[in-house]
Amino acid sequence: MEGAWFGDDADECIVGRNFAKKNSVLISNPVYLASPTSDSGLALKVTGIFSSGGSEDDAVVAPLSIVQEYLGKPGQYCKLYVSALTKPEDNFARRDPKTMKPDEFERWSCSLYVSSIAYSIGQILLGTDVRVIRRVVEGEG
């Protein structure tokens, strides 16, 4: 990534490389986002330009709290995507964490299994429906 990540509650964003190129956006430039519900817009300072190799390269990524407030939906969220390099799942990874002894659960939850990451997200974001979407990055063997 070129530049820096945005502040948690700042009117800042990062943009994908394709978006930046198509819209002639540079770091420190403002990006103006239109609202689907009003005539006013939201100005965000670009703090970084990133490349993920996926559809995110055409996107603007901003703090969730800022976008929710702007849309008049504070504290709500619709989708959250997490991209992570993970450890291939084995029989241990597929076990139900509720059946594990404390030491097994600790080892499982500290491993980079897709299942343990999804489980942890579900424990933090109570009331959510956590689903695993498997996508293999092109070029990985």
N, C-alpha and C. Protein backbone atom coordinates (compact mmCIF):
# COMPACT_ATOMS: atom_id res chain seq x y z
N MET A 1 0.83 -1.17 0.00
CA MET A 1 0.00 0.00 0.00
C MET A 1 0.89 1.24 0.00
N GLU A 2 0.47 2.21 -0.76
CA GLU A 2 1.16 3.50 -0.81
C GLU A 2 0.41 4.46 0.12
N GLY A 3 1.11 5.14 1.00
CA GLY A 3 0.46 6.05 1.94
C GLY A 3 0.19 5.36 3.25
N ALA A 4 -0.93 5.70 3.89
CA ALA A 4 -1.24 5.17 5.21
C ALA A 4 -2.72 4.81 5.31
N TRP A 5 -3.04 3.98 6.31
CA TRP A 5 -4.42 3.62 6.59
C TRP A 5 -5.12 4.84 7.18
N PHE A 6 -6.43 4.93 7.01
CA PHE A 6 -7.20 6.04 7.55
C PHE A 6 -7.37 5.92 9.06
N GLY A 7 -7.66 7.04 9.72
CA GLY A 7 -7.95 7.04 11.15
C GLY A 7 -9.32 6.44 11.40
N ASP A 8 -9.51 5.80 12.56
CA ASP A 8 -10.75 5.10 12.86
C ASP A 8 -12.01 5.95 12.74
N ASP A 9 -11.99 7.15 13.25
CA ASP A 9 -13.17 8.01 13.20
C ASP A 9 -12.91 9.30 12.45
N ALA A 10 -11.99 9.25 11.51
CA ALA A 10 -11.62 10.45 10.75
C ALA A 10 -12.34 10.48 9.40
N ASP A 11 -12.53 11.67 8.87
CA ASP A 11 -13.11 11.83 7.53
C ASP A 11 -12.02 11.55 6.50
N GLU A 12 -11.57 10.31 6.49
CA GLU A 12 -10.48 9.87 5.61
C GLU A 12 -10.86 8.56 4.95
N CYS A 13 -10.11 8.21 3.92
CA CYS A 13 -10.36 6.95 3.23
C CYS A 13 -9.08 6.49 2.53
N ILE A 14 -9.12 5.25 2.09
CA ILE A 14 -8.12 4.73 1.17
C ILE A 14 -8.87 4.34 -0.09
N VAL A 15 -8.20 4.36 -1.21
CA VAL A 15 -8.86 4.02 -2.47
C VAL A 15 -8.07 2.94 -3.19
N GLY A 16 -8.78 2.13 -3.95
CA GLY A 16 -8.13 1.12 -4.76
C GLY A 16 -7.37 1.74 -5.92
N ARG A 17 -6.34 1.05 -6.35
CA ARG A 17 -5.47 1.57 -7.42
C ARG A 17 -6.26 1.89 -8.68
N ASN A 18 -7.19 1.04 -9.09
CA ASN A 18 -7.97 1.30 -10.30
C ASN A 18 -8.84 2.54 -10.14
N PHE A 19 -9.47 2.67 -8.96
CA PHE A 19 -10.30 3.84 -8.69
C PHE A 19 -9.46 5.11 -8.77
N ALA A 20 -8.29 5.08 -8.16
CA ALA A 20 -7.41 6.25 -8.16
C ALA A 20 -7.01 6.64 -9.58
N LYS A 21 -6.68 5.64 -10.38
CA LYS A 21 -6.26 5.92 -11.76
C LYS A 21 -7.41 6.48 -12.59
N LYS A 22 -8.59 5.85 -12.50
CA LYS A 22 -9.76 6.28 -13.28
C LYS A 22 -10.21 7.69 -12.92
N ASN A 23 -10.03 8.06 -11.64
CA ASN A 23 -10.54 9.34 -11.16
C ASN A 23 -9.44 10.35 -10.86
N SER A 24 -8.22 10.07 -11.29
CA SER A 24 -7.07 10.96 -11.08
C SER A 24 -6.93 11.38 -9.61
N VAL A 25 -7.06 10.42 -8.72
CA VAL A 25 -6.98 10.68 -7.28
C VAL A 25 -5.55 10.45 -6.80
N LEU A 26 -5.07 11.39 -6.00
CA LEU A 26 -3.75 11.29 -5.38
C LEU A 26 -3.91 11.31 -3.86
N ILE A 27 -2.90 10.81 -3.17
CA ILE A 27 -2.90 10.87 -1.71
C ILE A 27 -2.98 12.34 -1.30
N SER A 28 -3.76 12.62 -0.29
CA SER A 28 -4.06 13.95 0.27
C SER A 28 -5.18 14.66 -0.48
N ASN A 29 -5.60 14.16 -1.65
CA ASN A 29 -6.75 14.75 -2.35
C ASN A 29 -8.03 14.39 -1.61
N PRO A 30 -9.05 15.24 -1.74
CA PRO A 30 -10.36 14.84 -1.22
C PRO A 30 -11.10 14.00 -2.26
N VAL A 31 -11.93 13.09 -1.77
CA VAL A 31 -12.85 12.33 -2.61
C VAL A 31 -14.24 12.70 -2.12
N TYR A 32 -15.13 13.02 -3.04
CA TYR A 32 -16.49 13.41 -2.69
C TYR A 32 -17.44 12.28 -3.02
N LEU A 33 -18.15 11.83 -2.02
CA LEU A 33 -19.10 10.75 -2.21
C LEU A 33 -20.52 11.29 -2.17
N ALA A 34 -21.34 10.89 -3.12
CA ALA A 34 -22.73 11.32 -3.17
C ALA A 34 -23.57 10.41 -2.27
N SER A 35 -24.61 10.97 -1.70
CA SER A 35 -25.50 10.20 -0.83
C SER A 35 -26.70 9.71 -1.63
N PRO A 36 -27.11 8.48 -1.41
CA PRO A 36 -28.31 8.00 -2.10
C PRO A 36 -29.59 8.59 -1.50
N THR A 37 -29.48 9.23 -0.31
CA THR A 37 -30.68 9.71 0.37
C THR A 37 -30.78 11.23 0.47
N SER A 38 -29.78 11.97 0.03
CA SER A 38 -29.84 13.42 0.11
C SER A 38 -29.01 14.06 -1.00
N ASP A 39 -29.10 15.38 -1.08
CA ASP A 39 -28.33 16.11 -2.10
C ASP A 39 -26.92 16.45 -1.63
N SER A 40 -26.67 16.31 -0.34
CA SER A 40 -25.34 16.64 0.19
C SER A 40 -24.37 15.50 -0.05
N GLY A 41 -23.10 15.80 0.01
CA GLY A 41 -22.07 14.80 -0.20
C GLY A 41 -21.18 14.67 1.01
N LEU A 42 -20.26 13.77 0.94
CA LEU A 42 -19.30 13.54 2.00
C LEU A 42 -17.91 13.68 1.41
N ALA A 43 -17.10 14.56 2.00
CA ALA A 43 -15.73 14.74 1.55
C ALA A 43 -14.80 13.94 2.46
N LEU A 44 -13.98 13.09 1.87
CA LEU A 44 -13.02 12.28 2.61
C LEU A 44 -11.62 12.53 2.06
N LYS A 45 -10.67 12.70 2.95
CA LYS A 45 -9.28 12.90 2.53
C LYS A 45 -8.66 11.52 2.25
N VAL A 46 -8.05 11.37 1.09
CA VAL A 46 -7.39 10.11 0.72
C VAL A 46 -6.05 10.03 1.44
N THR A 47 -5.88 8.97 2.24
CA THR A 47 -4.63 8.78 2.98
C THR A 47 -3.76 7.69 2.38
N GLY A 48 -4.36 6.87 1.49
CA GLY A 48 -3.58 5.79 0.89
C GLY A 48 -4.22 5.23 -0.36
N ILE A 49 -3.41 4.59 -1.17
CA ILE A 49 -3.86 3.90 -2.37
C ILE A 49 -3.35 2.46 -2.27
N PHE A 50 -4.28 1.51 -2.42
CA PHE A 50 -3.92 0.11 -2.23
C PHE A 50 -4.26 -0.73 -3.46
N SER A 51 -3.69 -1.90 -3.50
CA SER A 51 -3.99 -2.86 -4.55
C SER A 51 -4.15 -4.23 -3.91
N SER A 52 -5.34 -4.81 -4.07
CA SER A 52 -5.61 -6.12 -3.50
C SER A 52 -5.61 -7.21 -4.56
N GLY A 53 -5.69 -6.81 -5.82
CA GLY A 53 -5.79 -7.79 -6.89
C GLY A 53 -7.21 -8.25 -7.12
N GLY A 54 -8.17 -7.67 -6.39
CA GLY A 54 -9.58 -8.06 -6.53
C GLY A 54 -10.44 -6.85 -6.86
N SER A 55 -11.74 -7.02 -6.68
CA SER A 55 -12.70 -5.96 -7.00
C SER A 55 -12.51 -4.73 -6.11
N GLU A 56 -11.84 -4.91 -4.99
CA GLU A 56 -11.58 -3.79 -4.08
C GLU A 56 -10.73 -2.71 -4.73
N ASP A 57 -10.00 -3.06 -5.78
CA ASP A 57 -9.15 -2.09 -6.47
C ASP A 57 -9.96 -0.98 -7.14
N ASP A 58 -11.27 -1.19 -7.26
CA ASP A 58 -12.17 -0.18 -7.84
C ASP A 58 -12.99 0.52 -6.77
N ALA A 59 -12.61 0.37 -5.51
CA ALA A 59 -13.44 0.84 -4.40
C ALA A 59 -12.80 1.95 -3.58
N VAL A 60 -13.66 2.55 -2.76
CA VAL A 60 -13.25 3.50 -1.73
C VAL A 60 -13.53 2.80 -0.40
N VAL A 61 -12.55 2.78 0.49
CA VAL A 61 -12.71 2.15 1.80
C VAL A 61 -12.57 3.24 2.85
N ALA A 62 -13.60 3.37 3.71
CA ALA A 62 -13.63 4.43 4.71
C ALA A 62 -14.04 3.84 6.06
N PRO A 63 -13.82 4.57 7.15
CA PRO A 63 -14.24 4.08 8.45
C PRO A 63 -15.75 3.81 8.48
N LEU A 64 -16.13 2.65 8.97
CA LEU A 64 -17.53 2.26 9.00
C LEU A 64 -18.38 3.28 9.76
N SER A 65 -17.87 3.79 10.88
CA SER A 65 -18.64 4.74 11.68
C SER A 65 -18.94 6.03 10.91
N ILE A 66 -18.00 6.48 10.11
CA ILE A 66 -18.19 7.71 9.32
C ILE A 66 -19.26 7.49 8.25
N VAL A 67 -19.19 6.37 7.56
CA VAL A 67 -20.16 6.08 6.51
C VAL A 67 -21.55 5.86 7.10
N GLN A 68 -21.63 5.15 8.22
CA GLN A 68 -22.92 4.93 8.87
C GLN A 68 -23.56 6.25 9.29
N GLU A 69 -22.78 7.12 9.89
CA GLU A 69 -23.28 8.43 10.32
C GLU A 69 -23.76 9.24 9.12
N TYR A 70 -22.99 9.23 8.06
CA TYR A 70 -23.34 9.97 6.85
C TYR A 70 -24.65 9.46 6.24
N LEU A 71 -24.87 8.16 6.30
CA LEU A 71 -26.09 7.57 5.74
C LEU A 71 -27.25 7.58 6.72
N GLY A 72 -27.01 8.11 7.94
CA GLY A 72 -28.07 8.17 8.94
C GLY A 72 -28.38 6.83 9.56
N LYS A 73 -27.39 5.95 9.60
CA LYS A 73 -27.57 4.62 10.17
C LYS A 73 -26.46 4.29 11.15
N PRO A 74 -26.28 5.14 12.17
CA PRO A 74 -25.18 4.88 13.12
C PRO A 74 -25.37 3.55 13.85
N GLY A 75 -24.28 2.85 14.03
CA GLY A 75 -24.31 1.59 14.76
C GLY A 75 -24.83 0.41 13.97
N GLN A 76 -25.14 0.60 12.71
CA GLN A 76 -25.65 -0.50 11.89
C GLN A 76 -24.62 -0.88 10.84
N TYR A 77 -24.64 -2.09 10.42
CA TYR A 77 -23.79 -2.52 9.32
C TYR A 77 -24.50 -3.60 8.55
N CYS A 78 -24.16 -3.73 7.31
CA CYS A 78 -24.81 -4.70 6.43
C CYS A 78 -23.88 -5.86 6.15
N LYS A 79 -22.70 -5.57 5.64
CA LYS A 79 -21.74 -6.61 5.31
C LYS A 79 -20.36 -6.19 5.76
N LEU A 80 -19.60 -7.15 6.16
CA LEU A 80 -18.22 -6.93 6.54
C LEU A 80 -17.42 -8.06 5.91
N TYR A 81 -16.48 -7.71 5.07
CA TYR A 81 -15.64 -8.71 4.43
C TYR A 81 -14.27 -8.69 5.09
N VAL A 82 -13.77 -9.88 5.38
CA VAL A 82 -12.43 -10.02 5.97
C VAL A 82 -11.62 -10.88 5.02
N SER A 83 -10.47 -10.39 4.64
CA SER A 83 -9.57 -11.16 3.80
C SER A 83 -8.35 -11.53 4.63
N ALA A 84 -8.04 -12.81 4.64
CA ALA A 84 -6.92 -13.26 5.48
C ALA A 84 -6.20 -14.43 4.83
N LEU A 85 -4.90 -14.45 5.01
CA LEU A 85 -4.13 -15.62 4.62
C LEU A 85 -4.31 -16.63 5.74
N THR A 86 -4.74 -17.81 5.39
CA THR A 86 -5.08 -18.81 6.40
C THR A 86 -4.29 -20.09 6.24
N LYS A 87 -4.36 -20.87 7.28
CA LYS A 87 -3.73 -22.19 7.31
C LYS A 87 -4.72 -23.19 6.72
N PRO A 88 -4.26 -24.12 5.88
CA PRO A 88 -5.18 -25.12 5.34
C PRO A 88 -5.88 -25.89 6.47
N GLU A 89 -7.17 -26.12 6.28
CA GLU A 89 -7.93 -26.81 7.32
C GLU A 89 -7.61 -28.30 7.32
N ASP A 90 -7.45 -28.81 8.53
CA ASP A 90 -7.24 -30.23 8.74
C ASP A 90 -8.37 -30.74 9.64
N ASN A 91 -8.28 -31.98 10.11
CA ASN A 91 -9.33 -32.53 10.96
C ASN A 91 -9.52 -31.73 12.24
N PHE A 92 -8.42 -31.24 12.80
CA PHE A 92 -8.50 -30.44 14.02
C PHE A 92 -9.27 -29.14 13.77
N ALA A 93 -9.05 -28.52 12.64
CA ALA A 93 -9.72 -27.26 12.30
C ALA A 93 -11.22 -27.44 12.17
N ARG A 94 -11.65 -28.61 11.74
CA ARG A 94 -13.08 -28.87 11.49
C ARG A 94 -13.85 -29.26 12.74
N ARG A 95 -13.17 -29.41 13.85
CA ARG A 95 -13.86 -29.79 15.09
C ARG A 95 -14.75 -28.67 15.60
N ASP A 96 -15.79 -29.06 16.30
CA ASP A 96 -16.70 -28.09 16.92
C ASP A 96 -16.00 -27.51 18.14
N PRO A 97 -15.80 -26.19 18.20
CA PRO A 97 -15.08 -25.60 19.33
C PRO A 97 -15.78 -25.82 20.67
N LYS A 98 -17.08 -26.06 20.66
CA LYS A 98 -17.82 -26.30 21.90
C LYS A 98 -17.45 -27.62 22.55
N THR A 99 -16.85 -28.52 21.77
CA THR A 99 -16.49 -29.84 22.30
C THR A 99 -15.02 -29.92 22.72
N MET A 100 -14.30 -28.82 22.57
CA MET A 100 -12.86 -28.83 22.86
C MET A 100 -12.56 -28.55 24.33
N LYS A 101 -11.46 -29.15 24.79
CA LYS A 101 -10.94 -28.84 26.12
C LYS A 101 -10.32 -27.44 26.04
N PRO A 102 -10.14 -26.75 27.18
CA PRO A 102 -9.60 -25.38 27.14
C PRO A 102 -8.28 -25.25 26.39
N ASP A 103 -7.35 -26.19 26.57
CA ASP A 103 -6.07 -26.08 25.87
C ASP A 103 -6.22 -26.30 24.36
N GLU A 104 -7.14 -27.18 23.97
CA GLU A 104 -7.40 -27.41 22.55
C GLU A 104 -8.05 -26.18 21.92
N PHE A 105 -9.01 -25.60 22.65
CA PHE A 105 -9.68 -24.41 22.15
C PHE A 105 -8.70 -23.27 21.96
N GLU A 106 -7.79 -23.10 22.91
CA GLU A 106 -6.79 -22.04 22.79
C GLU A 106 -5.91 -22.25 21.57
N ARG A 107 -5.45 -23.49 21.36
CA ARG A 107 -4.61 -23.80 20.20
C ARG A 107 -5.39 -23.57 18.91
N TRP A 108 -6.67 -24.01 18.88
CA TRP A 108 -7.51 -23.85 17.69
C TRP A 108 -7.77 -22.38 17.40
N SER A 109 -8.12 -21.62 18.44
CA SER A 109 -8.47 -20.21 18.22
C SER A 109 -7.25 -19.35 17.86
N CYS A 110 -6.07 -19.80 18.22
CA CYS A 110 -4.85 -19.06 17.88
C CYS A 110 -4.26 -19.49 16.54
N SER A 111 -4.85 -20.51 15.93
CA SER A 111 -4.41 -20.96 14.61
C SER A 111 -5.14 -20.15 13.54
N LEU A 112 -4.51 -19.98 12.41
CA LEU A 112 -5.10 -19.19 11.34
C LEU A 112 -6.00 -20.03 10.44
N TYR A 113 -6.91 -20.78 11.07
CA TYR A 113 -7.91 -21.53 10.31
C TYR A 113 -9.06 -20.59 9.94
N VAL A 114 -9.63 -20.78 8.77
CA VAL A 114 -10.80 -20.00 8.37
C VAL A 114 -11.89 -20.16 9.42
N SER A 115 -12.10 -21.38 9.88
CA SER A 115 -13.16 -21.64 10.85
C SER A 115 -12.93 -20.91 12.17
N SER A 116 -11.70 -20.84 12.64
CA SER A 116 -11.44 -20.16 13.91
C SER A 116 -11.57 -18.64 13.76
N ILE A 117 -11.20 -18.11 12.61
CA ILE A 117 -11.35 -16.67 12.37
C ILE A 117 -12.84 -16.31 12.32
N ALA A 118 -13.62 -17.11 11.59
CA ALA A 118 -15.06 -16.87 11.50
C ALA A 118 -15.72 -16.97 12.87
N TYR A 119 -15.33 -17.96 13.64
CA TYR A 119 -15.87 -18.14 14.99
C TYR A 119 -15.57 -16.92 15.85
N SER A 120 -14.34 -16.44 15.80
CA SER A 120 -13.94 -15.28 16.61
C SER A 120 -14.72 -14.03 16.22
N ILE A 121 -14.93 -13.83 14.93
CA ILE A 121 -15.71 -12.67 14.48
C ILE A 121 -17.14 -12.77 15.02
N GLY A 122 -17.72 -13.95 14.96
CA GLY A 122 -19.06 -14.16 15.48
C GLY A 122 -19.17 -13.91 16.97
N GLN A 123 -18.10 -14.18 17.71
CA GLN A 123 -18.09 -13.95 19.15
C GLN A 123 -17.99 -12.45 19.47
N ILE A 124 -17.31 -11.71 18.63
CA ILE A 124 -17.13 -10.27 18.85
C ILE A 124 -18.35 -9.49 18.37
N LEU A 125 -18.85 -9.82 17.19
CA LEU A 125 -20.00 -9.12 16.61
C LEU A 125 -21.26 -9.94 16.87
N LEU A 126 -21.75 -9.87 18.08
CA LEU A 126 -22.90 -10.68 18.50
C LEU A 126 -24.12 -10.39 17.63
N GLY A 127 -24.89 -11.43 17.36
CA GLY A 127 -26.10 -11.29 16.57
C GLY A 127 -25.86 -11.25 15.07
N THR A 128 -24.63 -11.57 14.66
CA THR A 128 -24.32 -11.54 13.23
C THR A 128 -24.38 -12.94 12.64
N ASP A 129 -24.52 -12.98 11.35
CA ASP A 129 -24.49 -14.22 10.59
C ASP A 129 -23.14 -14.26 9.89
N VAL A 130 -22.20 -15.03 10.42
CA VAL A 130 -20.85 -15.09 9.87
C VAL A 130 -20.77 -16.26 8.90
N ARG A 131 -20.35 -15.96 7.69
CA ARG A 131 -20.22 -16.99 6.65
C ARG A 131 -18.82 -16.94 6.07
N VAL A 132 -18.31 -18.09 5.71
CA VAL A 132 -17.00 -18.18 5.09
C VAL A 132 -17.18 -18.21 3.58
N ILE A 133 -16.49 -17.30 2.90
CA ILE A 133 -16.47 -17.28 1.44
C ILE A 133 -15.05 -17.60 1.04
N ARG A 134 -14.84 -18.71 0.41
CA ARG A 134 -13.50 -19.13 0.05
C ARG A 134 -13.15 -18.59 -1.34
N ARG A 135 -12.05 -17.88 -1.39
CA ARG A 135 -11.56 -17.36 -2.67
C ARG A 135 -10.06 -17.56 -2.68
N VAL A 136 -9.59 -18.25 -3.67
CA VAL A 136 -8.16 -18.49 -3.79
C VAL A 136 -7.57 -17.38 -4.65
N VAL A 137 -6.53 -16.76 -4.14
CA VAL A 137 -5.88 -15.68 -4.87
C VAL A 137 -5.16 -16.27 -6.08
N GLU A 138 -5.34 -15.63 -7.22
CA GLU A 138 -4.66 -16.09 -8.41
C GLU A 138 -3.16 -15.99 -8.20
N GLY A 139 -2.47 -16.98 -8.66
CA GLY A 139 -1.02 -16.97 -8.51
C GLY A 139 -0.55 -17.80 -7.32
N GLU A 140 -1.48 -18.13 -6.41
CA GLU A 140 -1.08 -18.99 -5.29
C GLU A 140 -1.05 -20.43 -5.81
N GLY A 141 -0.12 -21.18 -5.35
CA GLY A 141 -0.01 -22.54 -5.83
C GLY A 141 -0.61 -23.46 -4.92
